PDB file of N, CA and C in Angstrom:
ATOM      1  N   MET A   1      21.194-143.480  40.978  1.00  0.00           N
ATOM      2  CA  MET A   1      20.758-142.498  39.968  1.00  0.00           C
ATOM      3  C   MET A   1      19.114-142.526  39.270  1.00  0.00           C
ATOM      4  N   LYS A   2      18.275-141.829  39.187  1.00  0.00           N
ATOM      5  CA  LYS A   2      16.695-142.504  38.771  1.00  0.00           C
ATOM      6  C   LYS A   2      16.693-142.150  37.523  1.00  0.00           C
ATOM      7  N   ILE A   3      15.906-142.765  36.743  1.00  0.00           N
ATOM      8  CA  ILE A   3      15.737-143.074  35.239  1.00  0.00           C
ATOM      9  C   ILE A   3      15.082-141.547  34.657  1.00  0.00           C
ATOM     10  N   SER A   4      14.593-140.870  35.297  1.00  0.00           N
ATOM     11  CA  SER A   4      14.417-139.430  35.024  1.00  0.00           C
ATOM     12  C   SER A   4      15.364-138.571  35.039  1.00  0.00           C
ATOM     13  N   GLU A   5      15.918-138.783  35.777  1.00  0.00           N
ATOM     14  CA  GLU A   5      17.267-137.677  35.810  1.00  0.00           C
ATOM     15  C   GLU A   5      18.311-138.561  34.370  1.00  0.00           C
ATOM     16  N   ILE A   6      18.497-139.369  34.503  1.00  0.00           N
ATOM     17  CA  ILE A   6      19.231-139.625  33.061  1.00  0.00           C
ATOM     18  C   ILE A   6      18.638-139.324  31.877  1.00  0.00           C
ATOM     19  N   LYS A   7      17.364-138.959  31.966  1.00  0.00           N
ATOM     20  CA  LYS A   7      16.493-139.268  30.161  1.00  0.00           C
ATOM     21  C   LYS A   7      16.976-137.274  30.471  1.00  0.00           C
ATOM     22  N   GLU A   8      16.858-136.853  31.111  1.00  0.00           N
ATOM     23  CA  GLU A   8      17.329-135.392  31.570  1.00  0.00           C
ATOM     24  C   GLU A   8      19.334-135.023  30.481  1.00  0.00           C
ATOM     25  N   LEU A   9      19.682-136.129  30.274  1.00  0.00           N
ATOM     26  CA  LEU A   9      21.203-135.956  29.706  1.00  0.00           C
ATOM     27  C   LEU A   9      21.355-135.555  28.502  1.00  0.00           C
ATOM     28  N   THR A  10      22.513-135.416  27.886  1.00  0.00           N
ATOM     29  CA  THR A  10      22.121-135.479  26.360  1.00  0.00           C
ATOM     30  C   THR A  10      23.372-136.408  25.686  1.00  0.00           C
ATOM     31  N   THR A  11      23.169-137.268  25.032  1.00  0.00           N
ATOM     32  CA  THR A  11      23.730-138.006  24.658  1.00  0.00           C
ATOM     33  C   THR A  11      25.443-138.091  24.624  1.00  0.00           C
ATOM     34  N   PRO A  12      26.222-137.208  24.636  1.00  0.00           N
ATOM     35  CA  PRO A  12      27.663-137.009  24.723  1.00  0.00           C
ATOM     36  C   PRO A  12      27.946-137.056  26.730  1.00  0.00           C
ATOM     37  N   GLU A  13      26.557-136.491  27.437  1.00  0.00           N
ATOM     38  CA  GLU A  13      27.148-136.775  28.887  1.00  0.00           C
ATOM     39  C   GLU A  13      27.225-137.868  29.200  1.00  0.00           C
ATOM     40  N   LEU A  14      25.798-138.858  28.574  1.00  0.00           N
ATOM     41  CA  LEU A  14      25.499-139.859  29.143  1.00  0.00           C
ATOM     42  C   LEU A  14      26.505-141.015  28.277  1.00  0.00           C
ATOM     43  N   GLN A  15      27.126-141.227  27.632  1.00  0.00           N
ATOM     44  CA  GLN A  15      28.337-141.721  26.818  1.00  0.00           C
ATOM     45  C   GLN A  15      29.358-141.606  27.858  1.00  0.00           C
ATOM     46  N   LYS A  16      29.674-140.309  28.537  1.00  0.00           N
ATOM     47  CA  LYS A  16      30.870-140.400  29.008  1.00  0.00           C
ATOM     48  C   LYS A  16      30.721-140.584  30.910  1.00  0.00           C
ATOM     49  N   LYS A  17      29.349-140.560  31.095  1.00  0.00           N
ATOM     50  CA  LYS A  17      28.749-141.264  32.412  1.00  0.00           C
ATOM     51  C   LYS A  17      29.047-142.452  32.426  1.00  0.00           C
ATOM     52  N   SER A  18      28.667-143.433  31.151  1.00  0.00           N
ATOM     53  CA  SER A  18      28.646-144.437  30.820  1.00  0.00           C
ATOM     54  C   SER A  18      30.134-145.596  31.687  1.00  0.00           C
ATOM     55  N   ARG A  19      31.023-144.039  30.702  1.00  0.00           N
ATOM     56  CA  ARG A  19      32.873-144.915  30.743  1.00  0.00           C
ATOM     57  C   ARG A  19      33.334-144.663  32.298  1.00  0.00           C
ATOM     58  N   ASP A  20      33.020-143.488  32.571  1.00  0.00           N
ATOM     59  CA  ASP A  20      33.028-143.256  34.262  1.00  0.00           C
ATOM     60  C   ASP A  20      32.329-144.293  34.861  1.00  0.00           C
ATOM     61  N   LEU A  21      31.509-145.044  34.776  1.00  0.00           N
ATOM     62  CA  LEU A  21      30.452-146.169  35.721  1.00  0.00           C
ATOM     63  C   LEU A  21      31.684-147.314  35.549  1.00  0.00           C
ATOM     64  N   GLY A  22      31.848-147.830  34.082  1.00  0.00           N
ATOM     65  CA  GLY A  22      32.736-148.702  33.567  1.00  0.00           C
ATOM     66  C   GLY A  22      33.748-148.379  34.314  1.00  0.00           C
ATOM     67  N   GLU A  23      34.478-147.519  34.353  1.00  0.00           N
ATOM     68  CA  GLU A  23      35.649-147.515  35.390  1.00  0.00           C
ATOM     69  C   GLU A  23      35.889-147.676  36.425  1.00  0.00           C
ATOM     70  N   GLU A  24      34.367-146.997  36.891  1.00  0.00           N
ATOM     71  CA  GLU A  24      34.578-147.306  38.386  1.00  0.00           C
ATOM     72  C   GLU A  24      34.491-148.523  39.093  1.00  0.00           C
ATOM     73  N   LEU A  25      33.546-149.302  38.369  1.00  0.00           N
ATOM     74  CA  LEU A  25      33.191-150.776  38.343  1.00  0.00           C
ATOM     75  C   LEU A  25      34.010-151.093  38.501  1.00  0.00           C
ATOM     76  N   LEU A  26      35.442-151.052  37.323  1.00  0.00           N
ATOM     77  CA  LEU A  26      36.741-152.311  37.205  1.00  0.00           C
ATOM     78  C   LEU A  26      37.333-152.375  38.429  1.00  0.00           C
ATOM     79  N   GLN A  27      37.536-150.805  38.843  1.00  0.00           N
ATOM     80  CA  GLN A  27      38.525-150.651  39.759  1.00  0.00           C
ATOM     81  C   GLN A  27      37.776-151.209  41.188  1.00  0.00           C
ATOM     82  N   LEU A  28      36.758-150.821  41.326  1.00  0.00           N
ATOM     83  CA  LEU A  28      35.750-152.103  42.743  1.00  0.00           C
ATOM     84  C   LEU A  28      35.898-152.969  42.644  1.00  0.00           C
ATOM     85  N   ARG A  29      35.751-153.946  40.977  1.00  0.00           N
ATOM     86  CA  ARG A  29      35.795-155.390  40.859  1.00  0.00           C
ATOM     87  C   ARG A  29      37.636-155.565  41.875  1.00  0.00           C
ATOM     88  N   VAL A  30      38.414-154.826  41.267  1.00  0.00           N
ATOM     89  CA  VAL A  30      39.606-155.354  41.283  1.00  0.00           C
ATOM     90  C   VAL A  30      39.947-155.439  43.015  1.00  0.00           C
ATOM     91  N   ARG A  31      38.980-153.816  43.629  1.00  0.00           N
ATOM     92  CA  ARG A  31      39.575-154.081  45.099  1.00  0.00           C
ATOM     93  C   ARG A  31      38.920-155.270  45.980  1.00  0.00           C
ATOM     94  N   LYS A  32      37.710-155.383  45.480  1.00  0.00           N
ATOM     95  CA  LYS A  32      36.802-156.544  45.943  1.00  0.00           C
ATOM     96  C   LYS A  32      37.974-157.537  45.963  1.00  0.00           C
ATOM     97  N   GLN A  33      38.878-158.217  44.900  1.00  0.00           N
ATOM     98  CA  GLN A  33      39.263-159.419  44.598  1.00  0.00           C
ATOM     99  C   GLN A  33      40.187-159.339  46.007  1.00  0.00           C
ATOM    100  N   THR A  34      40.599-158.075  46.091  1.00  0.00           N
ATOM    101  CA  THR A  34      41.665-157.947  47.038  1.00  0.00           C
ATOM    102  C   THR A  34      41.448-158.080  48.605  1.00  0.00           C
ATOM    103  N   GLY A  35      40.182-157.342  48.498  1.00  0.00           N
ATOM    104  CA  GLY A  35      39.886-157.384  49.951  1.00  0.00           C
ATOM    105  C   GLY A  35      39.477-156.135  50.584  1.00  0.00           C
ATOM    106  N   GLN A  36      39.880-155.096  49.601  1.00  0.00           N
ATOM    107  CA  GLN A  36      39.565-153.875  50.209  1.00  0.00           C
ATOM    108  C   GLN A  36      38.765-152.721  49.731  1.00  0.00           C
ATOM    109  N   VAL A  37      37.615-153.394  49.168  1.00  0.00           N
ATOM    110  CA  VAL A  37      36.535-152.989  49.449  1.00  0.00           C
ATOM    111  C   VAL A  37      35.889-152.778  50.726  1.00  0.00           C
ATOM    112  N   GLU A  38      35.343-151.532  50.959  1.00  0.00           N
ATOM    113  CA  GLU A  38      34.294-151.359  52.419  1.00  0.00           C
ATOM    114  C   GLU A  38      33.230-151.244  51.926  1.00  0.00           C
ATOM    115  N   LYS A  39      32.298-150.982  50.316  1.00  0.00           N
ATOM    116  CA  LYS A  39      31.329-151.037  50.509  1.00  0.00           C
ATOM    117  C   LYS A  39      30.755-151.478  49.142  1.00  0.00           C
ATOM    118  N   PRO A  40      30.755-152.878  49.385  1.00  0.00           N
ATOM    119  CA  PRO A  40      30.490-153.732  48.572  1.00  0.00           C
ATOM    120  C   PRO A  40      29.091-153.745  47.909  1.00  0.00           C
ATOM    121  N   HIS A  41      28.318-153.398  48.623  1.00  0.00           N
ATOM    122  CA  HIS A  41      26.997-153.001  47.636  1.00  0.00           C
ATOM    123  C   HIS A  41      26.602-151.770  46.609  1.00  0.00           C
ATOM    124  N   LEU A  42      27.888-150.855  46.961  1.00  0.00           N
ATOM    125  CA  LEU A  42      28.035-150.076  45.716  1.00  0.00           C
ATOM    126  C   LEU A  42      28.408-150.935  44.254  1.00  0.00           C
ATOM    127  N   LEU A  43      28.830-151.680  43.965  1.00  0.00           N
ATOM    128  CA  LEU A  43      28.828-152.731  43.085  1.00  0.00           C
ATOM    129  C   LEU A  43      27.797-152.906  42.384  1.00  0.00           C
ATOM    130  N   LYS A  44      26.706-153.245  42.784  1.00  0.00           N
ATOM    131  CA  LYS A  44      25.471-153.038  42.304  1.00  0.00           C
ATOM    132  C   LYS A  44      24.782-152.497  41.805  1.00  0.00           C
ATOM    133  N   SER A  45      24.633-151.336  42.572  1.00  0.00           N
ATOM    134  CA  SER A  45      24.176-149.905  42.602  1.00  0.00           C
ATOM    135  C   SER A  45      24.982-149.205  41.123  1.00  0.00           C
ATOM    136  N   ILE A  46      26.368-149.530  41.030  1.00  0.00           N
ATOM    137  CA  ILE A  46      27.220-148.930  39.801  1.00  0.00           C
ATOM    138  C   ILE A  46      26.693-149.886  38.866  1.00  0.00           C
ATOM    139  N   ARG A  47      26.394-150.988  38.583  1.00  0.00           N
ATOM    140  CA  ARG A  47      26.196-152.042  37.802  1.00  0.00           C
ATOM    141  C   ARG A  47      24.911-151.587  37.362  1.00  0.00           C
ATOM    142  N   ARG A  48      24.032-151.203  38.020  1.00  0.00           N
ATOM    143  CA  ARG A  48      22.292-151.139  37.748  1.00  0.00           C
ATOM    144  C   ARG A  48      21.820-149.606  36.583  1.00  0.00           C
ATOM    145  N   ASP A  49      23.220-148.458  37.703  1.00  0.00           N
ATOM    146  CA  ASP A  49      22.700-147.177  37.020  1.00  0.00           C
ATOM    147  C   ASP A  49      23.933-147.322  35.417  1.00  0.00           C
ATOM    148  N   ARG A  50      25.013-147.828  35.474  1.00  0.00           N
ATOM    149  CA  ARG A  50      24.887-148.267  34.215  1.00  0.00           C
ATOM    150  C   ARG A  50      24.070-148.719  32.830  1.00  0.00           C
ATOM    151  N   ALA A  51      23.712-150.040  33.361  1.00  0.00           N
ATOM    152  CA  ALA A  51      22.753-150.558  33.065  1.00  0.00           C
ATOM    153  C   ALA A  51      21.350-149.568  32.337  1.00  0.00           C
ATOM    154  N   ARG A  52      20.837-148.363  33.183  1.00  0.00           N
ATOM    155  CA  ARG A  52      19.375-147.751  33.285  1.00  0.00           C
ATOM    156  C   ARG A  52      20.437-146.465  32.033  1.00  0.00           C
ATOM    157  N   ILE A  53      21.885-146.518  31.925  1.00  0.00           N
ATOM    158  CA  ILE A  53      22.301-145.594  30.853  1.00  0.00           C
ATOM    159  C   ILE A  53      22.097-145.793  29.639  1.00  0.00           C
ATOM    160  N   LEU A  54      22.600-147.237  29.766  1.00  0.00           N
ATOM    161  CA  LEU A  54      22.381-147.846  28.344  1.00  0.00           C
ATOM    162  C   LEU A  54      21.769-148.312  27.981  1.00  0.00           C
ATOM    163  N   THR A  55      20.714-148.459  28.303  1.00  0.00           N
ATOM    164  CA  THR A  55      19.062-148.403  27.958  1.00  0.00           C
ATOM    165  C   THR A  55      18.479-147.461  27.464  1.00  0.00           C
ATOM    166  N   VAL A  56      19.186-145.609  28.014  1.00  0.00           N
ATOM    167  CA  VAL A  56      18.280-144.962  27.583  1.00  0.00           C
ATOM    168  C   VAL A  56      18.954-144.734  26.069  1.00  0.00           C
ATOM    169  N   LEU A  57      20.511-145.123  26.333  1.00  0.00           N
ATOM    170  CA  LEU A  57      21.223-144.623  24.699  1.00  0.00           C
ATOM    171  C   LEU A  57      20.616-145.811  23.424  1.00  0.00           C
ATOM    172  N   ARG A  58      20.139-146.542  23.827  1.00  0.00           N
ATOM    173  CA  ARG A  58      20.109-147.440  22.786  1.00  0.00           C
ATOM    174  C   ARG A  58      18.711-146.728  22.493  1.00  0.00           C
ATOM    175  N   ALA A  59      17.673-146.747  23.487  1.00  0.00           N
ATOM    176  CA  ALA A  59      16.547-146.231  23.112  1.00  0.00           C
ATOM    177  C   ALA A  59      16.374-144.857  22.557  1.00  0.00           C
ATOM    178  N   GLN A  60      17.259-144.584  22.528  1.00  0.00           N
ATOM    179  CA  GLN A  60      17.350-142.986  21.697  1.00  0.00           C
ATOM    180  C   GLN A  60      18.364-142.822  20.366  1.00  0.00           C
ATOM    181  N   SER A  61      18.999-143.918  20.131  1.00  0.00           N
ATOM    182  CA  SER A  61      19.417-144.276  18.543  1.00  0.00           C
ATOM    183  C   SER A  61      18.549-144.863  17.658  1.00  0.00           C
TER     184      SER A  61
END
């Protein structure tokens, strides 16, 4: 997700997206620990997307 796409979203949408990505990241981490993750590169991209969203949220405040 690009920063330009993130800036177009409203604050409630950003908060929901951040929560969803956090839950997905948690599930991926658990699956990684059990050795069931097929795409380990998703951990890095989800973590970065969530950080971008949180950065935009903090800048809006």
